[in-house]
């Protein structure tokens, strides 16, 4: 039987622990529990939006998608929004394409995970004051050589959850000076806060594609 992600049919345990108890309804699995775990505890930090000179102009298409200055709150809320989109999907949905030459759902989500790891790594290096130029990457090669075609969609969803939580723990512990540090990535200068907004904007860009082109009407 294929695994399915369910938003309903679960409730918190009666105790003060973080455990969940299943109620009658669809099967509860580990990924559903991860989806419903309490969010990462975030400090009350407002990070000013990056200025246009802090990143490659190409990235404006992503950064401009994120409103306001609560980037930590945005990154945290995106996790649940993505899980709500994927809730109830069958494993067969991972193989959906909206056109023959486009990535599958699993490949799109895998690309989001890979890219977030890379951008977060860049943010870590720059935040720590590492001035070594960071190389670029070819996204199509990463998808082509990745495991997404053979992995169950459920496992890729678990990976997304783990990656986003790691991103949040990185950013929530940065001090004020770290957010505005600059470094070179893919031959262009970028700041840590620009990378945080870029991670959020890139995820939102692909989530909208999933909503509008893959899952419209489903």
Protein backbone atom coordinates (compact mmCIF):
# COMPACT_ATOMS: atom_id res chain seq x y z
CA UNK A 1 0.00 0.00 0.00
CA UNK A 2 1.37 3.41 -0.90
CA UNK A 3 2.03 5.88 1.85
CA UNK A 4 -0.20 8.93 2.00
CA UNK A 5 0.26 12.18 3.90
CA UNK A 6 -2.72 13.15 6.01
CA UNK A 7 -3.36 16.48 7.72
CA UNK A 8 -6.52 15.41 9.55
CA UNK A 9 -7.22 12.51 11.82
CA UNK A 10 -4.55 13.32 14.42
CA UNK A 11 -4.57 15.00 17.77
CA UNK A 12 -2.06 15.91 20.46
CA UNK A 13 -1.64 13.50 23.37
CA UNK A 14 -3.42 14.26 26.58
CA UNK A 15 -0.15 14.63 28.49
CA UNK A 16 2.24 17.56 28.39
CA UNK A 17 4.65 15.61 26.18
CA UNK A 18 5.15 16.26 22.48
CA UNK A 19 3.90 12.81 21.55
CA UNK A 20 0.93 12.42 19.23
CA UNK A 21 -1.84 9.86 19.51
CA UNK A 22 -3.60 8.43 16.50
CA UNK A 23 -7.37 8.59 16.31
CA UNK A 24 -9.62 6.67 13.97
CA UNK A 25 -8.94 7.64 10.40
CA UNK A 26 -6.24 7.29 7.77
CA UNK A 27 -2.90 5.75 8.55
CA UNK A 28 -0.52 7.85 10.64
CA UNK A 29 3.12 7.67 9.58
CA UNK A 30 6.43 9.16 10.69
CA UNK A 31 6.31 11.96 8.16
CA UNK A 32 2.87 13.06 9.31
CA UNK A 33 4.24 13.30 12.83
CA UNK A 34 7.19 15.35 11.58
CA UNK A 35 4.77 17.64 9.78
CA UNK A 36 2.82 18.27 12.97
CA UNK A 37 5.77 18.68 15.31
CA UNK A 38 5.99 22.00 17.10
CA UNK A 39 7.87 24.58 15.08
CA UNK A 40 11.48 25.41 15.82
CA UNK A 41 11.53 27.93 18.67
CA UNK A 42 12.47 31.24 17.10
CA UNK A 43 13.89 34.34 18.76
CA UNK A 44 12.10 37.65 18.38
CA UNK A 45 14.50 38.92 15.71
CA UNK A 46 13.62 41.17 12.82
CA UNK A 47 16.15 40.98 9.99
CA UNK A 48 16.06 43.96 7.65
CA UNK A 49 15.39 43.12 4.03
CA UNK A 50 18.50 42.94 1.84
CA UNK A 51 19.25 45.89 -0.39
CA UNK A 52 19.52 45.33 -4.16
CA UNK A 53 23.31 45.67 -4.00
CA UNK A 54 23.56 42.67 -1.67
CA UNK A 55 22.83 39.98 -4.26
CA UNK A 56 22.91 39.10 -7.95
CA UNK A 57 20.08 40.92 -9.72
CA UNK A 58 18.94 37.55 -11.11
CA UNK A 59 17.79 36.61 -7.61
CA UNK A 60 15.34 39.50 -7.42
CA UNK A 61 12.72 37.24 -8.97
CA UNK A 62 12.83 35.13 -5.79
CA UNK A 63 13.61 37.68 -3.09
CA UNK A 64 10.80 39.97 -4.26
CA UNK A 65 8.28 37.21 -3.54
CA UNK A 66 8.89 37.48 0.21
CA UNK A 67 7.11 40.39 1.93
CA UNK A 68 8.02 42.06 5.20
CA UNK A 69 11.05 41.60 7.42
CA UNK A 70 10.18 38.51 9.50
CA UNK A 71 12.30 36.08 7.51
CA UNK A 72 12.63 33.57 10.36
CA UNK A 73 8.86 33.45 10.80
CA UNK A 74 8.43 33.11 7.04
CA UNK A 75 10.86 30.22 6.80
CA UNK A 76 9.10 28.50 9.67
CA UNK A 77 5.58 28.95 8.29
CA UNK A 78 6.63 27.77 4.83
CA UNK A 79 7.30 24.30 6.18
CA UNK A 80 3.69 23.84 7.20
CA UNK A 81 2.40 25.42 3.98
CA UNK A 82 4.38 22.94 1.92
CA UNK A 83 3.17 20.06 4.04
CA UNK A 84 -0.44 21.16 3.64
CA UNK A 85 0.07 21.13 -0.12
CA UNK A 86 1.51 17.61 0.00
CA UNK A 87 -0.94 16.25 2.56
CA UNK A 88 -2.96 13.38 1.18
CA UNK A 89 -0.79 12.81 -1.89
CA UNK A 90 -0.22 9.26 -3.05
CA UNK A 91 3.22 7.98 -3.91
CA UNK A 92 2.13 7.98 -7.57
CA UNK A 93 1.77 11.76 -7.37
CA UNK A 94 5.55 11.96 -7.07
CA UNK A 95 5.79 10.92 -10.73
CA UNK A 96 3.52 13.65 -12.05
CA UNK A 97 4.82 15.98 -14.77
CA UNK A 98 2.80 18.84 -16.23
CA UNK A 99 4.67 18.49 -19.54
CA UNK A 100 6.92 15.74 -20.95
CA UNK A 101 10.15 17.74 -20.58
CA UNK A 102 9.47 19.00 -17.06
CA UNK A 103 10.63 17.60 -13.73
CA UNK A 104 8.39 15.30 -11.75
CA UNK A 105 6.91 16.37 -8.41
CA UNK A 106 9.59 14.34 -6.64
CA UNK A 107 12.32 16.01 -8.68
CA UNK A 108 10.94 19.49 -7.97
CA UNK A 109 10.89 18.82 -4.24
CA UNK A 110 14.33 17.23 -4.39
CA UNK A 111 15.62 20.30 -6.23
CA UNK A 112 14.19 22.54 -3.50
CA UNK A 113 16.02 20.47 -0.86
CA UNK A 114 19.32 20.45 -2.74
CA UNK A 115 19.20 24.16 -3.42
CA UNK A 116 18.32 25.03 0.16
CA UNK A 117 21.25 22.96 1.41
CA UNK A 118 23.61 24.78 -0.94
CA UNK A 119 22.31 28.26 -0.12
CA UNK A 120 22.39 27.50 3.62
CA UNK A 121 25.97 26.24 3.27
CA UNK A 122 26.89 29.50 1.57
CA UNK A 123 25.21 31.41 4.39
CA UNK A 124 27.15 29.41 6.99
CA UNK A 125 30.49 30.05 5.32
CA UNK A 126 29.86 33.77 4.92
CA UNK A 127 28.36 34.19 8.40
CA UNK A 128 31.51 32.69 9.90
CA UNK A 129 33.66 35.20 8.06
CA UNK A 130 35.02 32.76 5.46
CA UNK A 131 36.07 34.86 2.47
CA UNK A 132 36.94 31.90 0.23
CA UNK A 133 34.94 32.23 -3.02
CA UNK A 134 32.21 29.60 -3.23
CA UNK A 135 31.60 27.80 -6.50
CA UNK A 136 28.28 27.65 -8.33
CA UNK A 137 26.32 24.51 -9.22
CA UNK A 138 24.31 23.19 -12.16
CA UNK A 139 20.79 22.41 -11.03
CA UNK A 140 19.95 20.07 -13.90
CA UNK A 141 22.99 17.91 -13.14
CA UNK A 142 21.96 17.71 -9.49
CA UNK A 143 18.47 16.53 -10.40
CA UNK A 144 19.72 14.13 -13.07
CA UNK A 145 22.23 12.54 -10.70
CA UNK A 146 20.00 12.67 -7.64
CA UNK A 147 17.98 9.77 -6.18
CA UNK A 148 14.57 11.40 -6.64
CA UNK A 149 13.32 9.11 -9.41
CA UNK A 150 13.74 6.02 -7.23
CA UNK A 151 12.92 7.39 -3.77
CA UNK A 152 9.37 7.26 -2.41
CA UNK A 153 7.77 10.68 -2.28
CA UNK A 154 7.38 10.16 1.47
CA UNK A 155 11.14 10.05 1.96
CA UNK A 156 11.71 13.22 -0.06
CA UNK A 157 9.09 14.98 2.05
CA UNK A 158 10.91 13.86 5.21
CA UNK A 159 14.11 15.24 3.71
CA UNK A 160 12.43 18.59 3.05
CA UNK A 161 11.30 18.79 6.68
CA UNK A 162 14.79 17.95 7.96
CA UNK A 163 16.49 20.45 5.65
CA UNK A 164 14.16 23.29 6.61
CA UNK A 165 14.58 22.65 10.32
CA UNK A 166 18.37 22.66 9.88
CA UNK A 167 18.13 25.95 7.98
CA UNK A 168 16.12 27.48 10.79
CA UNK A 169 18.53 26.36 13.49
CA UNK A 170 21.37 27.91 11.51
CA UNK A 171 19.70 31.28 11.02
CA UNK A 172 18.10 31.60 14.45
CA UNK A 173 21.51 31.48 16.15
CA UNK A 174 23.20 34.18 14.07
CA UNK A 175 24.19 37.42 15.77
CA UNK A 176 23.39 40.81 14.31
CA UNK A 177 26.76 41.26 12.62
CA UNK A 178 26.55 37.93 10.81
CA UNK A 179 23.41 38.84 8.88
CA UNK A 180 25.13 41.60 6.90
CA UNK A 181 28.44 39.86 6.22
CA UNK A 182 29.32 39.55 2.54
CA UNK A 183 30.98 36.81 0.57
CA UNK A 184 31.46 35.62 -2.99
CA UNK A 185 29.26 32.82 -4.32
CA UNK A 186 29.08 31.84 -7.97
CA UNK A 187 31.30 34.84 -8.79
CA UNK A 188 28.81 37.32 -7.31
CA UNK A 189 28.78 39.08 -3.94
CA UNK A 190 25.95 38.20 -1.57
CA UNK A 191 25.05 38.76 2.08
CA UNK A 192 23.79 36.26 4.62
CA UNK A 193 20.41 37.95 4.91
CA UNK A 194 20.04 37.92 1.12
CA UNK A 195 20.61 34.16 1.18
CA UNK A 196 17.91 33.74 3.84
CA UNK A 197 15.38 35.62 1.71
CA UNK A 198 16.58 33.75 -1.37
CA UNK A 199 15.94 30.38 0.29
CA UNK A 200 12.39 31.44 1.16
CA UNK A 201 11.69 32.95 -2.25
CA UNK A 202 13.05 29.96 -4.15
CA UNK A 203 10.89 27.58 -2.13
CA UNK A 204 7.80 29.76 -2.66
CA UNK A 205 8.48 29.97 -6.40
CA UNK A 206 8.50 26.19 -6.74
CA UNK A 207 5.59 25.67 -4.35
CA UNK A 208 3.46 27.94 -6.52
CA UNK A 209 4.45 25.90 -9.59
CA UNK A 210 3.38 22.73 -7.77
CA UNK A 211 0.07 24.34 -6.82
CA UNK A 212 -0.71 25.86 -10.21
CA UNK A 213 0.74 23.40 -12.71
CA UNK A 214 0.96 20.02 -11.01
CA UNK A 215 -1.88 19.90 -8.52
CA UNK A 216 -4.42 22.35 -9.98
CA UNK A 217 -7.82 20.73 -9.70
CA UNK A 218 -6.52 17.74 -7.75
